[in-house]
Amino acid sequence: MKRFKAIAVLAASVVCTAFSSARGDTPLRMDMIASIEARLMLPARAHPLAEYARYYWAVKQSPGMIQGQFLHKTIDKNVGVHIVDEADAPHAQDFGCYLLNVYYDTTSDAPPKVRCGGPG
C-alpha cells in the first residue's frame, strides 16, 4: 500500500509540474521541448533543425503558450536547444528562413506553428 501511495504522489507531482510549466509558472523542461520538436513541420525553405540555435520560453501573459525563435548557425553559433526566460528571449526579425518563429499552444491539439522570419 505504501508503494502505491508513493507512486500516486509521484504521478501527481509530474502532472502538476507539466501543467505549471506550460502555464509559465516554472521553467520548461527538455522533455516538453522534445515533444514539441517531434511535431514541427518546418517550412520548405527552412534549413535542417540541427542547424539552428533553438530558443524556447513560456509566454507569461498567455497561459499555455510556448514561443520559440530559431536562429540559423550563420547568425547564432549556439546550435541546440536553449530554454530561456521570456525577458531574455531573442527578438530577431527579417532573416528569411535563417530565422524561424515557433508558436505552440499547450491547451490545443494543433501542431506548433512555424513561420520564417521575413523576406530574405
PDB file of N, CA and C in Angstrom:
ATOM      1  N   MET A   1       0.823  -1.194   0.000  1.00  0.00           N
ATOM      2  CA  MET A   1       0.000   0.000   0.000  1.00  0.00           C
ATOM      3  C   MET A   1       0.872   1.265   0.000  1.00  0.00           C
ATOM      4  N   LYS A   2       1.964   1.238   0.771  1.00  0.00           N
ATOM      5  CA  LYS A   2       2.858   2.386   0.806  1.00  0.00           C
ATOM      6  C   LYS A   2       3.445   2.654  -0.577  1.00  0.00           C
ATOM      7  N   ARG A   3       3.768   1.566  -1.275  1.00  0.00           N
ATOM      8  CA  ARG A   3       4.340   1.707  -2.602  1.00  0.00           C
ATOM      9  C   ARG A   3       3.342   2.375  -3.550  1.00  0.00           C
ATOM     10  N   PHE A   4       2.075   1.972  -3.468  1.00  0.00           N
ATOM     11  CA  PHE A   4       1.038   2.572  -4.297  1.00  0.00           C
ATOM     12  C   PHE A   4       0.906   4.064  -4.011  1.00  0.00           C
ATOM     13  N   LYS A   5       0.920   4.438  -2.718  1.00  0.00           N
ATOM     14  CA  LYS A   5       0.809   5.855  -2.357  1.00  0.00           C
ATOM     15  C   LYS A   5       1.990   6.652  -2.892  1.00  0.00           C
ATOM     16  N   ALA A   6       3.180   6.074  -2.808  1.00  0.00           N
ATOM     17  CA  ALA A   6       4.371   6.770  -3.300  1.00  0.00           C
ATOM     18  C   ALA A   6       4.275   6.995  -4.798  1.00  0.00           C
ATOM     19  N   ILE A   7       3.793   5.984  -5.514  1.00  0.00           N
ATOM     20  CA  ILE A   7       3.644   6.114  -6.965  1.00  0.00           C
ATOM     21  C   ILE A   7       2.581   7.164  -7.291  1.00  0.00           C
ATOM     22  N   ALA A   8       1.481   7.170  -6.551  1.00  0.00           N
ATOM     23  CA  ALA A   8       0.412   8.144  -6.784  1.00  0.00           C
ATOM     24  C   ALA A   8       0.907   9.566  -6.531  1.00  0.00           C
ATOM     25  N   VAL A   9       1.678   9.753  -5.470  1.00  0.00           N
ATOM     26  CA  VAL A   9       2.218  11.076  -5.157  1.00  0.00           C
ATOM     27  C   VAL A   9       3.182  11.517  -6.259  1.00  0.00           C
ATOM     28  N   LEU A  10       4.043  10.612  -6.715  1.00  0.00           N
ATOM     29  CA  LEU A  10       4.988  10.924  -7.784  1.00  0.00           C
ATOM     30  C   LEU A  10       4.249  11.286  -9.070  1.00  0.00           C
ATOM     31  N   ALA A  11       3.237  10.520  -9.426  1.00  0.00           N
ATOM     32  CA  ALA A  11       2.463  10.788 -10.643  1.00  0.00           C
ATOM     33  C   ALA A  11       1.775  12.152 -10.557  1.00  0.00           C
ATOM     34  N   ALA A  12       1.193  12.463  -9.407  1.00  0.00           N
ATOM     35  CA  ALA A  12       0.541  13.762  -9.230  1.00  0.00           C
ATOM     36  C   ALA A  12       1.549  14.890  -9.355  1.00  0.00           C
ATOM     37  N   SER A  13       2.725  14.681  -8.829  1.00  0.00           N
ATOM     38  CA  SER A  13       3.784  15.690  -8.908  1.00  0.00           C
ATOM     39  C   SER A  13       4.186  15.946 -10.354  1.00  0.00           C
ATOM     40  N   VAL A  14       4.340  14.884 -11.138  1.00  0.00           N
ATOM     41  CA  VAL A  14       4.717  15.028 -12.547  1.00  0.00           C
ATOM     42  C   VAL A  14       3.636  15.772 -13.313  1.00  0.00           C
ATOM     43  N   VAL A  15       2.374  15.424 -13.095  1.00  0.00           N
ATOM     44  CA  VAL A  15       1.272  16.089 -13.788  1.00  0.00           C
ATOM     45  C   VAL A  15       1.222  17.558 -13.414  1.00  0.00           C
ATOM     46  N   CYS A  16       1.350  17.883 -12.137  1.00  0.00           N
ATOM     47  CA  CYS A  16       1.317  19.281 -11.700  1.00  0.00           C
ATOM     48  C   CYS A  16       2.490  20.062 -12.269  1.00  0.00           C
ATOM     49  N   THR A  17       3.665  19.454 -12.308  1.00  0.00           N
ATOM     50  CA  THR A  17       4.836  20.131 -12.850  1.00  0.00           C
ATOM     51  C   THR A  17       4.643  20.431 -14.323  1.00  0.00           C
ATOM     52  N   ALA A  18       4.146  19.472 -15.083  1.00  0.00           N
ATOM     53  CA  ALA A  18       3.929  19.684 -16.515  1.00  0.00           C
ATOM     54  C   ALA A  18       2.906  20.789 -16.737  1.00  0.00           C
ATOM     55  N   PHE A  19       1.844  20.810 -15.943  1.00  0.00           N
ATOM     56  CA  PHE A  19       0.806  21.820 -16.103  1.00  0.00           C
ATOM     57  C   PHE A  19       1.342  23.202 -15.775  1.00  0.00           C
ATOM     58  N   SER A  20       2.046  23.333 -14.658  1.00  0.00           N
ATOM     59  CA  SER A  20       2.553  24.650 -14.292  1.00  0.00           C
ATOM     60  C   SER A  20       3.626  25.113 -15.263  1.00  0.00           C
ATOM     61  N   SER A  21       4.405  24.189 -15.820  1.00  0.00           N
ATOM     62  CA  SER A  21       5.414  24.577 -16.801  1.00  0.00           C
ATOM     63  C   SER A  21       4.757  25.150 -18.040  1.00  0.00           C
ATOM     64  N   ALA A  22       3.690  24.540 -18.480  1.00  0.00           N
ATOM     65  CA  ALA A  22       3.005  25.020 -19.669  1.00  0.00           C
ATOM     66  C   ALA A  22       2.367  26.385 -19.418  1.00  0.00           C
ATOM     67  N   ARG A  23       1.987  26.672 -18.190  1.00  0.00           N
ATOM     68  CA  ARG A  23       1.381  27.960 -17.872  1.00  0.00           C
ATOM     69  C   ARG A  23       2.416  29.055 -17.720  1.00  0.00           C
ATOM     70  N   GLY A  24       3.693  28.706 -17.643  1.00  0.00           N
ATOM     71  CA  GLY A  24       4.714  29.712 -17.483  1.00  0.00           C
ATOM     72  C   GLY A  24       5.111  29.952 -16.043  1.00  0.00           C
ATOM     73  N   ASP A  25       4.583  29.141 -15.105  1.00  0.00           N
ATOM     74  CA  ASP A  25       4.912  29.319 -13.689  1.00  0.00           C
ATOM     75  C   ASP A  25       6.302  28.800 -13.355  1.00  0.00           C
ATOM     76  N   THR A  26       6.766  27.806 -14.066  1.00  0.00           N
ATOM     77  CA  THR A  26       8.077  27.231 -13.822  1.00  0.00           C
ATOM     78  C   THR A  26       8.772  27.064 -15.167  1.00  0.00           C
ATOM     79  N   PRO A  27      10.087  26.878 -15.144  1.00  0.00           N
ATOM     80  CA  PRO A  27      10.793  26.722 -16.419  1.00  0.00           C
ATOM     81  C   PRO A  27      10.304  25.510 -17.214  1.00  0.00           C
ATOM     82  N   LEU A  28      10.386  25.615 -18.518  1.00  0.00           N
ATOM     83  CA  LEU A  28      10.059  24.493 -19.394  1.00  0.00           C
ATOM     84  C   LEU A  28      11.057  23.369 -19.162  1.00  0.00           C
ATOM     85  N   ARG A  29      10.668  22.168 -19.535  1.00  0.00           N
ATOM     86  CA  ARG A  29      11.547  21.002 -19.389  1.00  0.00           C
ATOM     87  C   ARG A  29      11.940  20.494 -20.767  1.00  0.00           C
ATOM     88  N   MET A  30      13.086  19.833 -20.821  1.00  0.00           N
ATOM     89  CA  MET A  30      13.597  19.305 -22.090  1.00  0.00           C
ATOM     90  C   MET A  30      12.638  18.279 -22.700  1.00  0.00           C
ATOM     91  N   ASP A  31      11.943  17.486 -21.886  1.00  0.00           N
ATOM     92  CA  ASP A  31      11.014  16.508 -22.455  1.00  0.00           C
ATOM     93  C   ASP A  31       9.840  17.205 -23.144  1.00  0.00           C
ATOM     94  N   MET A  32       9.420  18.354 -22.631  1.00  0.00           N
ATOM     95  CA  MET A  32       8.356  19.119 -23.287  1.00  0.00           C
ATOM     96  C   MET A  32       8.845  19.644 -24.642  1.00  0.00           C
ATOM     97  N   ILE A  33      10.079  20.133 -24.665  1.00  0.00           N
ATOM     98  CA  ILE A  33      10.652  20.657 -25.899  1.00  0.00           C
ATOM     99  C   ILE A  33      10.802  19.536 -26.927  1.00  0.00           C
ATOM    100  N   ALA A  34      11.260  18.375 -26.482  1.00  0.00           N
ATOM    101  CA  ALA A  34      11.404  17.233 -27.400  1.00  0.00           C
ATOM    102  C   ALA A  34      10.051  16.871 -28.014  1.00  0.00           C
ATOM    103  N   SER A  35       9.007  16.934 -27.225  1.00  0.00           N
ATOM    104  CA  SER A  35       7.665  16.636 -27.726  1.00  0.00           C
ATOM    105  C   SER A  35       7.228  17.666 -28.769  1.00  0.00           C
ATOM    106  N   ILE A  36       7.517  18.926 -28.518  1.00  0.00           N
ATOM    107  CA  ILE A  36       7.183  19.981 -29.485  1.00  0.00           C
ATOM    108  C   ILE A  36       7.965  19.767 -30.777  1.00  0.00           C
ATOM    109  N   GLU A  37       9.265  19.540 -30.652  1.00  0.00           N
ATOM    110  CA  GLU A  37      10.097  19.390 -31.848  1.00  0.00           C
ATOM    111  C   GLU A  37       9.719  18.162 -32.671  1.00  0.00           C
ATOM    112  N   ALA A  38       9.196  17.143 -32.034  1.00  0.00           N
ATOM    113  CA  ALA A  38       8.767  15.949 -32.762  1.00  0.00           C
ATOM    114  C   ALA A  38       7.563  16.254 -33.655  1.00  0.00           C
ATOM    115  N   ARG A  39       6.820  17.315 -33.337  1.00  0.00           N
ATOM    116  CA  ARG A  39       5.620  17.675 -34.093  1.00  0.00           C
ATOM    117  C   ARG A  39       5.838  18.821 -35.076  1.00  0.00           C
ATOM    118  N   LEU A  40       7.040  19.374 -35.131  1.00  0.00           N
ATOM    119  CA  LEU A  40       7.299  20.517 -36.010  1.00  0.00           C
ATOM    120  C   LEU A  40       7.215  20.138 -37.482  1.00  0.00           C
ATOM    121  N   MET A  41       6.618  21.015 -38.260  1.00  0.00           N
ATOM    122  CA  MET A  41       6.604  20.910 -39.723  1.00  0.00           C
ATOM    123  C   MET A  41       7.302  22.173 -40.224  1.00  0.00           C
ATOM    124  N   LEU A  42       8.575  22.035 -40.567  1.00  0.00           N
ATOM    125  CA  LEU A  42       9.348  23.199 -40.998  1.00  0.00           C
ATOM    126  C   LEU A  42       8.917  23.666 -42.380  1.00  0.00           C
ATOM    127  N   PRO A  43       8.985  24.979 -42.616  1.00  0.00           N
ATOM    128  CA  PRO A  43       8.682  25.493 -43.958  1.00  0.00           C
ATOM    129  C   PRO A  43       9.639  24.895 -44.992  1.00  0.00           C
ATOM    130  N   ALA A  44       9.213  24.847 -46.225  1.00  0.00           N
ATOM    131  CA  ALA A  44      10.013  24.232 -47.292  1.00  0.00           C
ATOM    132  C   ALA A  44      11.388  24.870 -47.434  1.00  0.00           C
ATOM    133  N   ARG A  45      11.503  26.168 -47.207  1.00  0.00           N
ATOM    134  CA  ARG A  45      12.781  26.861 -47.362  1.00  0.00           C
ATOM    135  C   ARG A  45      13.674  26.800 -46.119  1.00  0.00           C
ATOM    136  N   ALA A  46      13.183  26.194 -45.044  1.00  0.00           N
ATOM    137  CA  ALA A  46      13.961  26.126 -43.799  1.00  0.00           C
ATOM    138  C   ALA A  46      15.142  25.171 -43.949  1.00  0.00           C
ATOM    139  N   HIS A  47      16.124  25.394 -43.124  1.00  0.00           N
ATOM    140  CA  HIS A  47      17.290  24.515 -43.060  1.00  0.00           C
ATOM    141  C   HIS A  47      16.972  23.373 -42.102  1.00  0.00           C
ATOM    142  N   PRO A  48      17.803  22.320 -42.059  1.00  0.00           N
ATOM    143  CA  PRO A  48      17.571  21.238 -41.099  1.00  0.00           C
ATOM    144  C   PRO A  48      17.569  21.776 -39.659  1.00  0.00           C
ATOM    145  N   LEU A  49      16.716  21.221 -38.843  1.00  0.00           N
ATOM    146  CA  LEU A  49      16.550  21.665 -37.457  1.00  0.00           C
ATOM    147  C   LEU A  49      17.884  21.724 -36.708  1.00  0.00           C
ATOM    148  N   ALA A  50      18.762  20.776 -36.948  1.00  0.00           N
ATOM    149  CA  ALA A  50      20.042  20.697 -36.241  1.00  0.00           C
ATOM    150  C   ALA A  50      20.966  21.876 -36.554  1.00  0.00           C
ATOM    151  N   GLU A  51      20.619  22.696 -37.551  1.00  0.00           N
ATOM    152  CA  GLU A  51      21.450  23.844 -37.912  1.00  0.00           C
ATOM    153  C   GLU A  51      21.020  25.142 -37.218  1.00  0.00           C
ATOM    154  N   TYR A  52      20.059  25.042 -36.301  1.00  0.00           N
ATOM    155  CA  TYR A  52      19.539  26.228 -35.629  1.00  0.00           C
ATOM    156  C   TYR A  52      19.871  26.236 -34.139  1.00  0.00           C
ATOM    157  N   ALA A  53      20.126  27.445 -33.610  1.00  0.00           N
ATOM    158  CA  ALA A  53      20.099  27.678 -32.165  1.00  0.00           C
ATOM    159  C   ALA A  53      18.618  27.881 -31.858  1.00  0.00           C
ATOM    160  N   ARG A  54      18.047  27.012 -31.001  1.00  0.00           N
ATOM    161  CA  ARG A  54      16.600  26.992 -30.793  1.00  0.00           C
ATOM    162  C   ARG A  54      16.273  27.470 -29.385  1.00  0.00           C
ATOM    163  N   TYR A  55      15.666  28.646 -29.299  1.00  0.00           N
ATOM    164  CA  TYR A  55      15.319  29.261 -28.016  1.00  0.00           C
ATOM    165  C   TYR A  55      13.819  29.103 -27.774  1.00  0.00           C
ATOM    166  N   TYR A  56      13.455  28.635 -26.577  1.00  0.00           N
ATOM    167  CA  TYR A  56      12.053  28.443 -26.192  1.00  0.00           C
ATOM    168  C   TYR A  56      11.789  29.164 -24.881  1.00  0.00           C
ATOM    169  N   TRP A  57      10.560  29.660 -24.728  1.00  0.00           N
ATOM    170  CA  TRP A  57      10.155  30.268 -23.470  1.00  0.00           C
ATOM    171  C   TRP A  57       8.640  30.168 -23.310  1.00  0.00           C
ATOM    172  N   ALA A  58       8.190  30.183 -22.053  1.00  0.00           N
ATOM    173  CA  ALA A  58       6.761  30.223 -21.744  1.00  0.00           C
ATOM    174  C   ALA A  58       6.324  31.682 -21.792  1.00  0.00           C
ATOM    175  N   VAL A  59       5.202  31.943 -22.428  1.00  0.00           N
ATOM    176  CA  VAL A  59       4.685  33.306 -22.555  1.00  0.00           C
ATOM    177  C   VAL A  59       3.854  33.601 -21.321  1.00  0.00           C
ATOM    178  N   LYS A  60       4.356  34.478 -20.471  1.00  0.00           N
ATOM    179  CA  LYS A  60       3.732  34.722 -19.169  1.00  0.00           C
ATOM    180  C   LYS A  60       2.336  35.326 -19.271  1.00  0.00           C
ATOM    181  N   GLN A  61       2.077  36.144 -20.267  1.00  0.00           N
ATOM    182  CA  GLN A  61       0.766  36.786 -20.399  1.00  0.00           C
ATOM    183  C   GLN A  61      -0.267  35.900 -21.096  1.00  0.00           C
ATOM    184  N   SER A  62       0.168  34.745 -21.612  1.00  0.00           N
ATOM    185  CA  SER A  62      -0.738  33.829 -22.320  1.00  0.00           C
ATOM    186  C   SER A  62      -0.557  32.423 -21.761  1.00  0.00           C
ATOM    187  N   PRO A  63      -1.304  32.083 -20.717  1.00  0.00           N
ATOM    188  CA  PRO A  63      -1.159  30.750 -20.120  1.00  0.00           C
ATOM    189  C   PRO A  63      -1.294  29.642 -21.162  1.00  0.00           C
ATOM    190  N   GLY A  64      -0.357  28.707 -21.132  1.00  0.00           N
ATOM    191  CA  GLY A  64      -0.372  27.580 -22.053  1.00  0.00           C
ATOM    192  C   GLY A  64       0.376  27.824 -23.345  1.00  0.00           C
ATOM    193  N   MET A  65       0.837  29.051 -23.582  1.00  0.00           N
ATOM    194  CA  MET A  65       1.525  29.369 -24.829  1.00  0.00           C
ATOM    195  C   MET A  65       3.033  29.259 -24.646  1.00  0.00           C
ATOM    196  N   ILE A  66       3.651  28.542 -25.568  1.00  0.00           N
ATOM    197  CA  ILE A  66       5.110  28.431 -25.625  1.00  0.00           C
ATOM    198  C   ILE A  66       5.537  29.043 -26.947  1.00  0.00           C
ATOM    199  N   GLN A  67       6.546  29.873 -26.882  1.00  0.00           N
ATOM    200  CA  GLN A  67       7.047  30.516 -28.088  1.00  0.00           C
ATOM    201  C   GLN A  67       8.510  30.139 -28.264  1.00  0.00           C
ATOM    202  N   GLY A  68       8.945  30.134 -29.502  1.00  0.00           N
ATOM    203  CA  GLY A  68      10.340  29.838 -29.789  1.00  0.00           C
ATOM    204  C   GLY A  68      10.851  30.682 -30.929  1.00  0.00           C
ATOM    205  N   GLN A  69      12.142  30.860 -30.931  1.00  0.00           N
ATOM    206  CA  GLN A  69      12.784  31.509 -32.064  1.00  0.00           C
ATOM    207  C   GLN A  69      14.048  30.726 -32.369  1.00  0.00           C
ATOM    208  N   PHE A  70      14.165  30.314 -33.623  1.00  0.00           N
ATOM    209  CA  PHE A  70      15.306  29.529 -34.080  1.00  0.00           C
ATOM    210  C   PHE A  70      16.175  30.421 -34.959  1.00  0.00           C
ATOM    211  N   LEU A  71      17.452  30.481 -34.651  1.00  0.00           N
ATOM    212  CA  LEU A  71      18.400  31.287 -35.413  1.00  0.00           C
ATOM    213  C   LEU A  71      19.406  30.351 -36.067  1.00  0.00           C
ATOM    214  N   HIS A  72      19.550  30.470 -37.385  1.00  0.00           N
ATOM    215  CA  HIS A  72      20.469  29.609 -38.115  1.00  0.00           C
ATOM    216  C   HIS A  72      21.892  29.810 -37.603  1.00  0.00           C
ATOM    217  N   LYS A  73      22.705  28.781 -37.744  1.00  0.00           N
ATOM    218  CA  LYS A  73      24.076  28.815 -37.221  1.00  0.00           C
ATOM    219  C   LYS A  73      24.929  29.921 -37.824  1.00  0.00           C
ATOM    220  N   THR A  74      24.542  30.463 -38.969  1.00  0.00           N
ATOM    221  CA  THR A  74      25.283  31.589 -39.529  1.00  0.00           C
ATOM    222  C   THR A  74      24.988  32.891 -38.777  1.00  0.00           C
ATOM    223  N   ILE A  75      23.907  32.909 -37.983  1.00  0.00           N
ATOM    224  CA  ILE A  75      23.530  34.073 -37.184  1.00  0.00           C
ATOM    225  C   ILE A  75      23.910  33.867 -35.716  1.00  0.00           C
ATOM    226  N   ASP A  76      23.707  32.642 -35.214  1.00  0.00           N
ATOM    227  CA  ASP A  76      23.964  32.313 -33.808  1.00  0.00           C
ATOM    228  C   ASP A  76      24.669  30.961 -33.761  1.00  0.00           C
ATOM    229  N   LYS A  77      25.879  30.936 -33.302  1.00  0.00           N
ATOM    230  CA  LYS A  77      26.699  29.707 -33.277  1.00  0.00           C
ATOM    231  C   LYS A  77      26.302  28.724 -32.177  1.00  0.00           C
ATOM    232  N   ASN A  78      25.392  29.103 -31.280  1.00  0.00           N
ATOM    233  CA  ASN A  78      24.993  28.240 -30.152  1.00  0.00           C
ATOM    234  C   ASN A  78      23.923  27.246 -30.570  1.00  0.00           C
ATOM    235  N   VAL A  79      24.231  26.412 -31.547  1.00  0.00           N
ATOM    236  CA  VAL A  79      23.276  25.441 -32.076  1.00  0.00           C
ATOM    237  C   VAL A  79      22.805  24.508 -30.958  1.00  0.00           C
ATOM    238  N   GLY A  80      21.522  24.202 -30.970  1.00  0.00           N
ATOM    239  CA  GLY A  80      20.927  23.321 -29.965  1.00  0.00           C
ATOM    240  C   GLY A  80      19.758  24.011 -29.280  1.00  0.00           C
ATOM    241  N   VAL A  81      19.222  23.367 -28.248  1.00  0.00           N
ATOM    242  CA  VAL A  81      18.053  23.871 -27.533  1.00  0.00           C
ATOM    243  C   VAL A  81      18.496  24.722 -26.348  1.00  0.00           C
ATOM    244  N   HIS A  82      17.822  25.853 -26.196  1.00  0.00           N
ATOM    245  CA  HIS A  82      18.061  26.759 -25.073  1.00  0.00           C
ATOM    246  C   HIS A  82      16.707  27.150 -24.501  1.00  0.00           C
ATOM    247  N   ILE A  83      16.480  26.860 -23.237  1.00  0.00           N
ATOM    248  CA  ILE A  83      15.250  27.274 -22.565  1.00  0.00           C
ATOM    249  C   ILE A  83      15.580  28.568 -21.828  1.00  0.00           C
ATOM    250  N   VAL A  84      14.870  29.640 -22.169  1.00  0.00           N
ATOM    251  CA  VAL A  84      15.168  30.950 -21.606  1.00  0.00           C
ATOM    252  C   VAL A  84      13.924  31.565 -20.986  1.00  0.00           C
ATOM    253  N   ASP A  85      14.133  32.556 -20.170  1.00  0.00           N
ATOM    254  CA  ASP A  85      13.033  33.344 -19.635  1.00  0.00           C
ATOM    255  C   ASP A  85      12.535  34.255 -20.757  1.00  0.00           C
ATOM    256  N   GLU A  86      11.276  34.563 -20.726  1.00  0.00           N
ATOM    257  CA  GLU A  86      10.695  35.410 -21.770  1.00  0.00           C
ATOM    258  C   GLU A  86      11.455  36.735 -21.913  1.00  0.00           C
ATOM    259  N   ALA A  87      11.911  37.310 -20.814  1.00  0.00           N
ATOM    260  CA  ALA A  87      12.635  38.582 -20.848  1.00  0.00           C
ATOM    261  C   ALA A  87      13.986  38.459 -21.553  1.00  0.00           C
ATOM    262  N   ASP A  88      14.545  37.248 -21.579  1.00  0.00           N
ATOM    263  CA  ASP A  88      15.852  37.021 -22.198  1.00  0.00           C
ATOM    264  C   ASP A  88      15.762  36.430 -23.603  1.00  0.00           C
ATOM    265  N   ALA A  89      14.554  36.297 -24.113  1.00  0.00           N
ATOM    266  CA  ALA A  89      14.354  35.665 -25.419  1.00  0.00           C
ATOM    267  C   ALA A  89      14.872  36.559 -26.541  1.00  0.00           C
ATOM    268  N   PRO A  90      15.410  35.943 -27.609  1.00  0.00           N
ATOM    269  CA  PRO A  90      15.834  36.759 -28.755  1.00  0.00           C
ATOM    270  C   PRO A  90      14.609  37.327 -29.473  1.00  0.00           C
ATOM    271  N   HIS A  91      14.795  38.438 -30.106  1.00  0.00           N
ATOM    272  CA  HIS A  91      13.690  39.047 -30.865  1.00  0.00           C
ATOM    273  C   HIS A  91      14.223  39.558 -32.198  1.00  0.00           C
ATOM    274  N   ALA A  92      14.834  38.655 -32.943  1.00  0.00           N
ATOM    275  CA  ALA A  92      15.367  38.996 -34.263  1.00  0.00           C
ATOM    276  C   ALA A  92      14.224  39.004 -35.276  1.00  0.00           C
ATOM    277  N   GLN A  93      14.475  39.611 -36.422  1.00  0.00           N
ATOM    278  CA  GLN A  93      13.475  39.616 -37.493  1.00  0.00           C
ATOM    279  C   GLN A  93      14.146  39.846 -38.836  1.00  0.00           C
ATOM    280  N   ASP A  94      13.412  39.563 -39.887  1.00  0.00           N
ATOM    281  CA  ASP A  94      13.840  39.841 -41.264  1.00  0.00           C
ATOM    282  C   ASP A  94      15.073  39.068 -41.726  1.00  0.00           C
ATOM    283  N   PHE A  95      15.164  37.803 -41.380  1.00  0.00           N
ATOM    284  CA  PHE A  95      16.269  36.966 -41.853  1.00  0.00           C
ATOM    285  C   PHE A  95      15.769  35.857 -42.771  1.00  0.00           C
ATOM    286  N   GLY A  96      14.569  35.965 -43.282  1.00  0.00           N
ATOM    287  CA  GLY A  96      14.020  34.893 -44.106  1.00  0.00           C
ATOM    288  C   GLY A  96      13.946  33.614 -43.301  1.00  0.00           C
ATOM    289  N   CYS A  97      14.270  32.495 -43.912  1.00  0.00           N
ATOM    290  CA  CYS A  97      14.217  31.213 -43.197  1.00  0.00           C
ATOM    291  C   CYS A  97      15.505  30.912 -42.432  1.00  0.00           C
ATOM    292  N   TYR A  98      16.398  31.889 -42.329  1.00  0.00           N
ATOM    293  CA  TYR A  98      17.522  31.762 -41.400  1.00  0.00           C
ATOM    294  C   TYR A  98      17.036  32.035 -39.984  1.00  0.00           C
ATOM    295  N   LEU A  99      15.804  32.484 -39.877  1.00  0.00           N
ATOM    296  CA  LEU A  99      15.127  32.737 -38.607  1.00  0.00           C
ATOM    297  C   LEU A  99      13.747  32.095 -38.683  1.00  0.00           C
ATOM    298  N   LEU A 100      13.422  31.281 -37.707  1.00  0.00           N
ATOM    299  CA  LEU A 100      12.090  30.677 -37.635  1.00  0.00           C
ATOM    300  C   LEU A 100      11.426  31.093 -36.331  1.00  0.00           C
ATOM    301  N   ASN A 101      10.145  31.435 -36.410  1.00  0.00           N
ATOM    302  CA  ASN A 101       9.353  31.729 -35.220  1.00  0.00           C
ATOM    303  C   ASN A 101       8.399  30.566 -34.993  1.00  0.00           C
ATOM    304  N   VAL A 102       8.334  30.108 -33.752  1.00  0.00           N
ATOM    305  CA  VAL A 102       7.511  28.951 -33.390  1.00  0.00           C
ATOM    306  C   VAL A 102       6.502  29.378 -32.336  1.00  0.00           C
ATOM    307  N   TYR A 103       5.266  28.923 -32.520  1.00  0.00           N
ATOM    308  CA  TYR A 103       4.192  29.204 -31.570  1.00  0.00           C
ATOM    309  C   TYR A 103       3.486  27.885 -31.272  1.00  0.00           C
ATOM    310  N   TYR A 104       3.339  27.574 -29.974  1.00  0.00           N
ATOM    311  CA  TYR A 104       2.680  26.323 -29.607  1.00  0.00           C
ATOM    312  C   TYR A 104       1.759  26.563 -28.425  1.00  0.00           C
ATOM    313  N   ASP A 105       0.513  26.179 -28.592  1.00  0.00           N
ATOM    314  CA  ASP A 105      -0.496  26.303 -27.545  1.00  0.00           C
ATOM    315  C   ASP A 105      -0.682  24.935 -26.901  1.00  0.00           C
ATOM    316  N   THR A 106      -0.248  24.806 -25.659  1.00  0.00           N
ATOM    317  CA  THR A 106      -0.320  23.515 -24.964  1.00  0.00           C
ATOM    318  C   THR A 106      -1.749  23.103 -24.640  1.00  0.00           C
ATOM    319  N   THR A 107      -2.697  24.032 -24.763  1.00  0.00           N
ATOM    320  CA  THR A 107      -4.088  23.701 -24.468  1.00  0.00           C
ATOM    321  C   THR A 107      -4.832  23.200 -25.705  1.00  0.00           C
ATOM    322  N   SER A 108      -4.139  23.114 -26.827  1.00  0.00           N
ATOM    323  CA  SER A 108      -4.742  22.706 -28.092  1.00  0.00           C
ATOM    324  C   SER A 108      -4.077  21.436 -28.611  1.00  0.00           C
ATOM    325  N   ASP A 109      -4.779  20.708 -29.440  1.00  0.00           N
ATOM    326  CA  ASP A 109      -4.196  19.527 -30.090  1.00  0.00           C
ATOM    327  C   ASP A 109      -3.481  19.901 -31.389  1.00  0.00           C
ATOM    328  N   ALA A 110      -3.550  21.163 -31.760  1.00  0.00           N
ATOM    329  CA  ALA A 110      -2.940  21.607 -33.012  1.00  0.00           C
ATOM    330  C   ALA A 110      -1.414  21.509 -32.933  1.00  0.00           C
ATOM    331  N   PRO A 111      -0.773  21.194 -34.045  1.00  0.00           N
ATOM    332  CA  PRO A 111       0.699  21.154 -34.047  1.00  0.00           C
ATOM    333  C   PRO A 111       1.260  22.566 -33.889  1.00  0.00           C
ATOM    334  N   PRO A 112       2.522  22.675 -33.522  1.00  0.00           N
ATOM    335  CA  PRO A 112       3.140  24.004 -33.411  1.00  0.00           C
ATOM    336  C   PRO A 112       3.127  24.718 -34.765  1.00  0.00           C
ATOM    337  N   LYS A 113       2.963  26.036 -34.722  1.00  0.00           N
ATOM    338  CA  LYS A 113       3.030  26.852 -35.942  1.00  0.00           C
ATOM    339  C   LYS A 113       4.468  27.308 -36.111  1.00  0.00           C
ATOM    340  N   VAL A 114       4.984  27.200 -37.320  1.00  0.00           N
ATOM    341  CA  VAL A 114       6.351  27.622 -37.614  1.00  0.00           C
ATOM    342  C   VAL A 114       6.318  28.536 -38.833  1.00  0.00           C
ATOM    343  N   ARG A 115       6.933  29.695 -38.685  1.00  0.00           N
ATOM    344  CA  ARG A 115       6.971  30.667 -39.772  1.00  0.00           C
ATOM    345  C   ARG A 115       8.390  31.178 -39.964  1.00  0.00           C
ATOM    346  N   CYS A 116       8.752  31.419 -41.211  1.00  0.00           N
ATOM    347  CA  CYS A 116      10.034  32.065 -41.499  1.00  0.00           C
ATOM    348  C   CYS A 116       9.958  33.508 -41.013  1.00  0.00           C
ATOM    349  N   GLY A 117      11.120  34.049 -40.644  1.00  0.00           N
ATOM    350  CA  GLY A 117      11.175  35.370 -40.037  1.00  0.00           C
ATOM    351  C   GLY A 117      11.162  36.540 -40.987  1.00  0.00           C
ATOM    352  N   GLY A 118      10.610  36.424 -42.138  1.00  0.00           N
ATOM    353  CA  GLY A 118      10.505  37.549 -43.056  1.00  0.00           C
ATOM    354  C   GLY A 118      11.194  37.254 -44.378  1.00  0.00           C
ATOM    355  N   PRO A 119      11.192  38.231 -45.278  1.00  0.00           N
ATOM    356  CA  PRO A 119      11.851  38.019 -46.574  1.00  0.00           C
ATOM    357  C   PRO A 119      13.359  37.941 -46.386  1.00  0.00           C
ATOM    358  N   GLY A 120      14.027  37.390 -47.323  1.00  0.00           N
ATOM    359  CA  GLY A 120      15.475  37.386 -47.179  1.00  0.00           C
ATOM    360  C   GLY A 120      16.143  36.186 -47.747  1.00  0.00           C
TER     361      GLY A 120
END
